Every structure is written in C-alpha cells, then in structure tokens.
C-alpha cells in the first residue's frame, strides 16, 4: 500500500515538473515571437495586392498575341527576388525565373518602385530580409 502511494506521489511530482517546464518554454517562445517580426508592405497584404493590381500591366510593345500563340499560357509569372533593408527600402532586385526580357524588366521596375516596407525585426533590432515574389502578367 505504501509503495502505491509513493508511486502515485512520484508520478504526480513528475507530471507537475513536466508541465512547469512546458509553460516556461511556451513563455520563452511567446517572448521570442514578440521580438521577431517579418517585414510588411505599408498597409498590409491587401495594400500589397492592390499595388500589384495597379502596376502589373504589360509593357508597351509586348506582343501578347504572339506570346500566347507560342506559349499557350494565359499568365506569365516572373519570379523576382529582393532584399528589404533595415530602413524598409527595396534593394538587390533580381530576376529569379522568367522567360521574356521585356516582362522581366517590367517586373523589376514594379518591385524597385514599391514604397518602403515596414522593416523586419529580430530581438528588437531591424534586420535585412530576403524576399521573393511572383509578378504575374495576365495575357487575357
């Protein structure tokens, strides 16, 4: 009988110590998450999509009928990589993937002309963050 009581007490203590450790790590995780923030387009995601909707237009001289016939794609995605600097400015803009020079230039122009973002933070300090987005041109 004494052995059963001792085992129950031991299991109870171990359970409480495990829960206490879990609470501490959760607390540390929350503190860590508060000290980190990804960059954000001014106005949030909806403003970002609005910016793209207004600016992703086919460049003058682009022959969409020829491109459509040749590639049979209604959309042309151009992947653009860039860095959001500590002050939120856009730097190091480069094409990651694309197959049309005119659209690549236009996609880079769109990204370079974005307003400054709200910078990312780590441990309360602004940091540079690498980003990549698809700029999708609609041919229809």
C-alpha atoms as a PDB file:
ATOM      1  CA  UNK A   1       0.000   0.000   0.000  1.00  0.00           C
ATOM      2  CA  UNK A   2       2.801   2.395   0.937  1.00  0.00           C
ATOM      3  CA  UNK A   3       4.504   1.590  -2.380  1.00  0.00           C
ATOM      4  CA  UNK A   4       1.340   2.501  -4.324  1.00  0.00           C
ATOM      5  CA  UNK A   5       1.055   5.842  -2.524  1.00  0.00           C
ATOM      6  CA  UNK A   6       4.748   6.554  -3.097  1.00  0.00           C
ATOM      7  CA  UNK A   7       4.415   5.749  -6.821  1.00  0.00           C
ATOM      8  CA  UNK A   8       1.328   7.978  -7.133  1.00  0.00           C
ATOM      9  CA  UNK A   9       3.126  10.871  -5.435  1.00  0.00           C
ATOM     10  CA  UNK A  10       6.195  10.351  -7.647  1.00  0.00           C
ATOM     11  CA  UNK A  11       4.052  10.294 -10.828  1.00  0.00           C
ATOM     12  CA  UNK A  12       2.241  13.455  -9.649  1.00  0.00           C
ATOM     13  CA  UNK A  13       5.509  15.300  -8.987  1.00  0.00           C
ATOM     14  CA  UNK A  14       6.954  14.264 -12.356  1.00  0.00           C
ATOM     15  CA  UNK A  15       3.765  15.358 -14.133  1.00  0.00           C
ATOM     16  CA  UNK A  16       3.834  18.758 -12.421  1.00  0.00           C
ATOM     17  CA  UNK A  17       7.507  19.264 -13.216  1.00  0.00           C
ATOM     18  CA  UNK A  18       6.901  18.422 -16.889  1.00  0.00           C
ATOM     19  CA  UNK A  19       4.000  20.874 -17.061  1.00  0.00           C
ATOM     20  CA  UNK A  20       6.084  23.571 -15.387  1.00  0.00           C
ATOM     21  CA  UNK A  21       8.835  23.068 -17.950  1.00  0.00           C
ATOM     22  CA  UNK A  22       6.337  23.252 -20.799  1.00  0.00           C
ATOM     23  CA  UNK A  23       4.907  26.531 -19.508  1.00  0.00           C
ATOM     24  CA  UNK A  24       8.399  28.034 -19.332  1.00  0.00           C
ATOM     25  CA  UNK A  25       9.233  27.066 -22.911  1.00  0.00           C
ATOM     26  CA  UNK A  26       5.869  28.410 -24.114  1.00  0.00           C
ATOM     27  CA  UNK A  27       6.601  31.652 -22.306  1.00  0.00           C
ATOM     28  CA  UNK A  28      10.047  31.837 -23.888  1.00  0.00           C
ATOM     29  CA  UNK A  29       8.516  31.116 -27.290  1.00  0.00           C
ATOM     30  CA  UNK A  30       5.996  33.936 -26.884  1.00  0.00           C
ATOM     31  CA  UNK A  31       8.745  36.330 -25.800  1.00  0.00           C
ATOM     32  CA  UNK A  32      10.850  35.256 -28.784  1.00  0.00           C
ATOM     33  CA  UNK A  33       7.922  35.728 -31.191  1.00  0.00           C
ATOM     34  CA  UNK A  34       7.314  39.219 -29.806  1.00  0.00           C
ATOM     35  CA  UNK A  35      10.943  40.106 -30.529  1.00  0.00           C
ATOM     36  CA  UNK A  36      10.723  38.956 -34.160  1.00  0.00           C
ATOM     37  CA  UNK A  37       8.670  40.459 -36.936  1.00  0.00           C
ATOM     38  CA  UNK A  38       8.679  39.876 -40.672  1.00  0.00           C
ATOM     39  CA  UNK A  39       8.705  42.914 -42.963  1.00  0.00           C
ATOM     40  CA  UNK A  40       5.317  44.177 -44.039  1.00  0.00           C
ATOM     41  CA  UNK A  41       4.156  46.190 -47.021  1.00  0.00           C
ATOM     42  CA  UNK A  42       2.709  49.507 -45.783  1.00  0.00           C
ATOM     43  CA  UNK A  43      -0.993  48.894 -45.258  1.00  0.00           C
ATOM     44  CA  UNK A  44      -0.595  45.103 -45.105  1.00  0.00           C
ATOM     45  CA  UNK A  45      -1.272  42.319 -47.591  1.00  0.00           C
ATOM     46  CA  UNK A  46      -4.381  43.901 -49.103  1.00  0.00           C
ATOM     47  CA  UNK A  47      -2.444  47.082 -49.904  1.00  0.00           C
ATOM     48  CA  UNK A  48       0.340  44.942 -51.410  1.00  0.00           C
ATOM     49  CA  UNK A  49      -2.106  43.151 -53.726  1.00  0.00           C
ATOM     50  CA  UNK A  50      -3.716  46.480 -54.639  1.00  0.00           C
ATOM     51  CA  UNK A  51      -0.261  47.818 -55.553  1.00  0.00           C
ATOM     52  CA  UNK A  52       0.377  44.827 -57.801  1.00  0.00           C
ATOM     53  CA  UNK A  53      -3.078  45.067 -59.406  1.00  0.00           C
ATOM     54  CA  UNK A  54      -2.452  48.709 -60.320  1.00  0.00           C
ATOM     55  CA  UNK A  55       1.114  48.247 -61.547  1.00  0.00           C
ATOM     56  CA  UNK A  56       1.323  44.849 -63.219  1.00  0.00           C
ATOM     57  CA  UNK A  57       0.493  45.890 -66.756  1.00  0.00           C
ATOM     58  CA  UNK A  58       2.038  44.652 -69.956  1.00  0.00           C
ATOM     59  CA  UNK A  59       4.841  46.891 -71.232  1.00  0.00           C
ATOM     60  CA  UNK A  60       4.377  48.896 -74.423  1.00  0.00           C
ATOM     61  CA  UNK A  61       5.428  46.895 -77.449  1.00  0.00           C
ATOM     62  CA  UNK A  62       4.807  43.488 -75.883  1.00  0.00           C
ATOM     63  CA  UNK A  63       3.071  41.258 -78.432  1.00  0.00           C
ATOM     64  CA  UNK A  64       0.720  39.267 -76.226  1.00  0.00           C
ATOM     65  CA  UNK A  65      -0.987  37.516 -79.171  1.00  0.00           C
ATOM     66  CA  UNK A  66       2.359  36.156 -80.384  1.00  0.00           C
ATOM     67  CA  UNK A  67       3.382  35.125 -76.859  1.00  0.00           C
ATOM     68  CA  UNK A  68       0.000  33.454 -76.244  1.00  0.00           C
ATOM     69  CA  UNK A  69       0.176  31.543 -79.517  1.00  0.00           C
ATOM     70  CA  UNK A  70       3.774  30.473 -78.926  1.00  0.00           C
ATOM     71  CA  UNK A  71       3.492  29.518 -75.241  1.00  0.00           C
ATOM     72  CA  UNK A  72      -0.236  28.839 -74.779  1.00  0.00           C
ATOM     73  CA  UNK A  73      -0.147  30.440 -71.302  1.00  0.00           C
ATOM     74  CA  UNK A  74      -2.772  32.915 -70.142  1.00  0.00           C
ATOM     75  CA  UNK A  75      -0.477  34.137 -67.384  1.00  0.00           C
ATOM     76  CA  UNK A  76       3.234  34.826 -67.378  1.00  0.00           C
ATOM     77  CA  UNK A  77       4.824  34.597 -63.931  1.00  0.00           C
ATOM     78  CA  UNK A  78       8.158  36.309 -63.382  1.00  0.00           C
ATOM     79  CA  UNK A  79       9.838  35.480 -60.058  1.00  0.00           C
ATOM     80  CA  UNK A  80      11.617  38.472 -58.564  1.00  0.00           C
ATOM     81  CA  UNK A  81      13.931  38.347 -55.568  1.00  0.00           C
ATOM     82  CA  UNK A  82      14.847  41.369 -53.473  1.00  0.00           C
ATOM     83  CA  UNK A  83      16.056  42.473 -50.073  1.00  0.00           C
ATOM     84  CA  UNK A  84      14.067  44.583 -47.652  1.00  0.00           C
ATOM     85  CA  UNK A  85      16.741  46.661 -45.938  1.00  0.00           C
ATOM     86  CA  UNK A  86      16.795  47.779 -42.293  1.00  0.00           C
ATOM     87  CA  UNK A  87      15.061  51.035 -43.244  1.00  0.00           C
ATOM     88  CA  UNK A  88      12.410  49.225 -45.318  1.00  0.00           C
ATOM     89  CA  UNK A  89      13.877  50.177 -48.683  1.00  0.00           C
ATOM     90  CA  UNK A  90      13.986  47.662 -51.538  1.00  0.00           C
ATOM     91  CA  UNK A  91      17.498  46.638 -52.657  1.00  0.00           C
ATOM     92  CA  UNK A  92      19.223  43.882 -54.646  1.00  0.00           C
ATOM     93  CA  UNK A  93      16.328  43.353 -57.054  1.00  0.00           C
ATOM     94  CA  UNK A  94      16.971  40.421 -59.388  1.00  0.00           C
ATOM     95  CA  UNK A  95      15.087  38.028 -61.620  1.00  0.00           C
ATOM     96  CA  UNK A  96      14.957  34.506 -60.243  1.00  0.00           C
ATOM     97  CA  UNK A  97      12.883  32.975 -63.027  1.00  0.00           C
ATOM     98  CA  UNK A  98      11.400  34.326 -66.229  1.00  0.00           C
ATOM     99  CA  UNK A  99      11.416  33.702 -69.941  1.00  0.00           C
ATOM    100  CA  UNK A 100      10.775  37.091 -71.520  1.00  0.00           C
ATOM    101  CA  UNK A 101      13.192  40.001 -71.273  1.00  0.00           C
ATOM    102  CA  UNK A 102      10.504  42.705 -71.639  1.00  0.00           C
ATOM    103  CA  UNK A 103       8.394  41.228 -68.853  1.00  0.00           C
ATOM    104  CA  UNK A 104      11.442  40.678 -66.664  1.00  0.00           C
ATOM    105  CA  UNK A 105      12.401  44.357 -66.970  1.00  0.00           C
ATOM    106  CA  UNK A 106       8.840  45.425 -66.185  1.00  0.00           C
ATOM    107  CA  UNK A 107       8.665  43.106 -63.159  1.00  0.00           C
ATOM    108  CA  UNK A 108      11.944  44.509 -61.820  1.00  0.00           C
ATOM    109  CA  UNK A 109      10.651  48.058 -62.330  1.00  0.00           C
ATOM    110  CA  UNK A 110       7.469  47.235 -60.411  1.00  0.00           C
ATOM    111  CA  UNK A 111       9.449  45.857 -57.461  1.00  0.00           C
ATOM    112  CA  UNK A 112      12.005  48.702 -57.475  1.00  0.00           C
ATOM    113  CA  UNK A 113       9.200  51.278 -57.395  1.00  0.00           C
ATOM    114  CA  UNK A 114       7.434  49.769 -54.383  1.00  0.00           C
ATOM    115  CA  UNK A 115       7.174  52.076 -51.395  1.00  0.00           C
ATOM    116  CA  UNK A 116       9.361  51.377 -48.391  1.00  0.00           C
ATOM    117  CA  UNK A 117       8.165  48.434 -46.352  1.00  0.00           C
ATOM    118  CA  UNK A 118       7.950  48.291 -42.577  1.00  0.00           C
ATOM    119  CA  UNK A 119      11.251  46.523 -41.842  1.00  0.00           C
ATOM    120  CA  UNK A 120      11.677  43.150 -40.212  1.00  0.00           C
ATOM    121  CA  UNK A 121      12.952  42.900 -36.637  1.00  0.00           C
ATOM    122  CA  UNK A 122      14.860  40.322 -34.672  1.00  0.00           C
ATOM    123  CA  UNK A 123      15.424  40.823 -30.954  1.00  0.00           C
ATOM    124  CA  UNK A 124      14.055  44.344 -31.343  1.00  0.00           C
ATOM    125  CA  UNK A 125      16.666  45.281 -33.973  1.00  0.00           C
ATOM    126  CA  UNK A 126      15.760  45.987 -37.618  1.00  0.00           C
ATOM    127  CA  UNK A 127      17.268  43.408 -39.987  1.00  0.00           C
ATOM    128  CA  UNK A 128      17.622  42.806 -43.722  1.00  0.00           C
ATOM    129  CA  UNK A 129      15.243  40.165 -45.058  1.00  0.00           C
ATOM    130  CA  UNK A 130      15.386  38.346 -48.411  1.00  0.00           C
ATOM    131  CA  UNK A 131      12.065  38.149 -50.228  1.00  0.00           C
ATOM    132  CA  UNK A 132      10.836  36.624 -53.477  1.00  0.00           C
ATOM    133  CA  UNK A 133       7.504  37.188 -55.173  1.00  0.00           C
ATOM    134  CA  UNK A 134       5.892  36.103 -58.430  1.00  0.00           C
ATOM    135  CA  UNK A 135       4.826  39.026 -60.602  1.00  0.00           C
ATOM    136  CA  UNK A 136       2.073  37.552 -62.751  1.00  0.00           C
ATOM    137  CA  UNK A 137       1.193  39.189 -66.054  1.00  0.00           C
ATOM    138  CA  UNK A 138      -2.274  38.416 -67.403  1.00  0.00           C
ATOM    139  CA  UNK A 139      -2.412  37.951 -71.183  1.00  0.00           C
ATOM    140  CA  UNK A 140      -6.197  37.660 -71.429  1.00  0.00           C
END
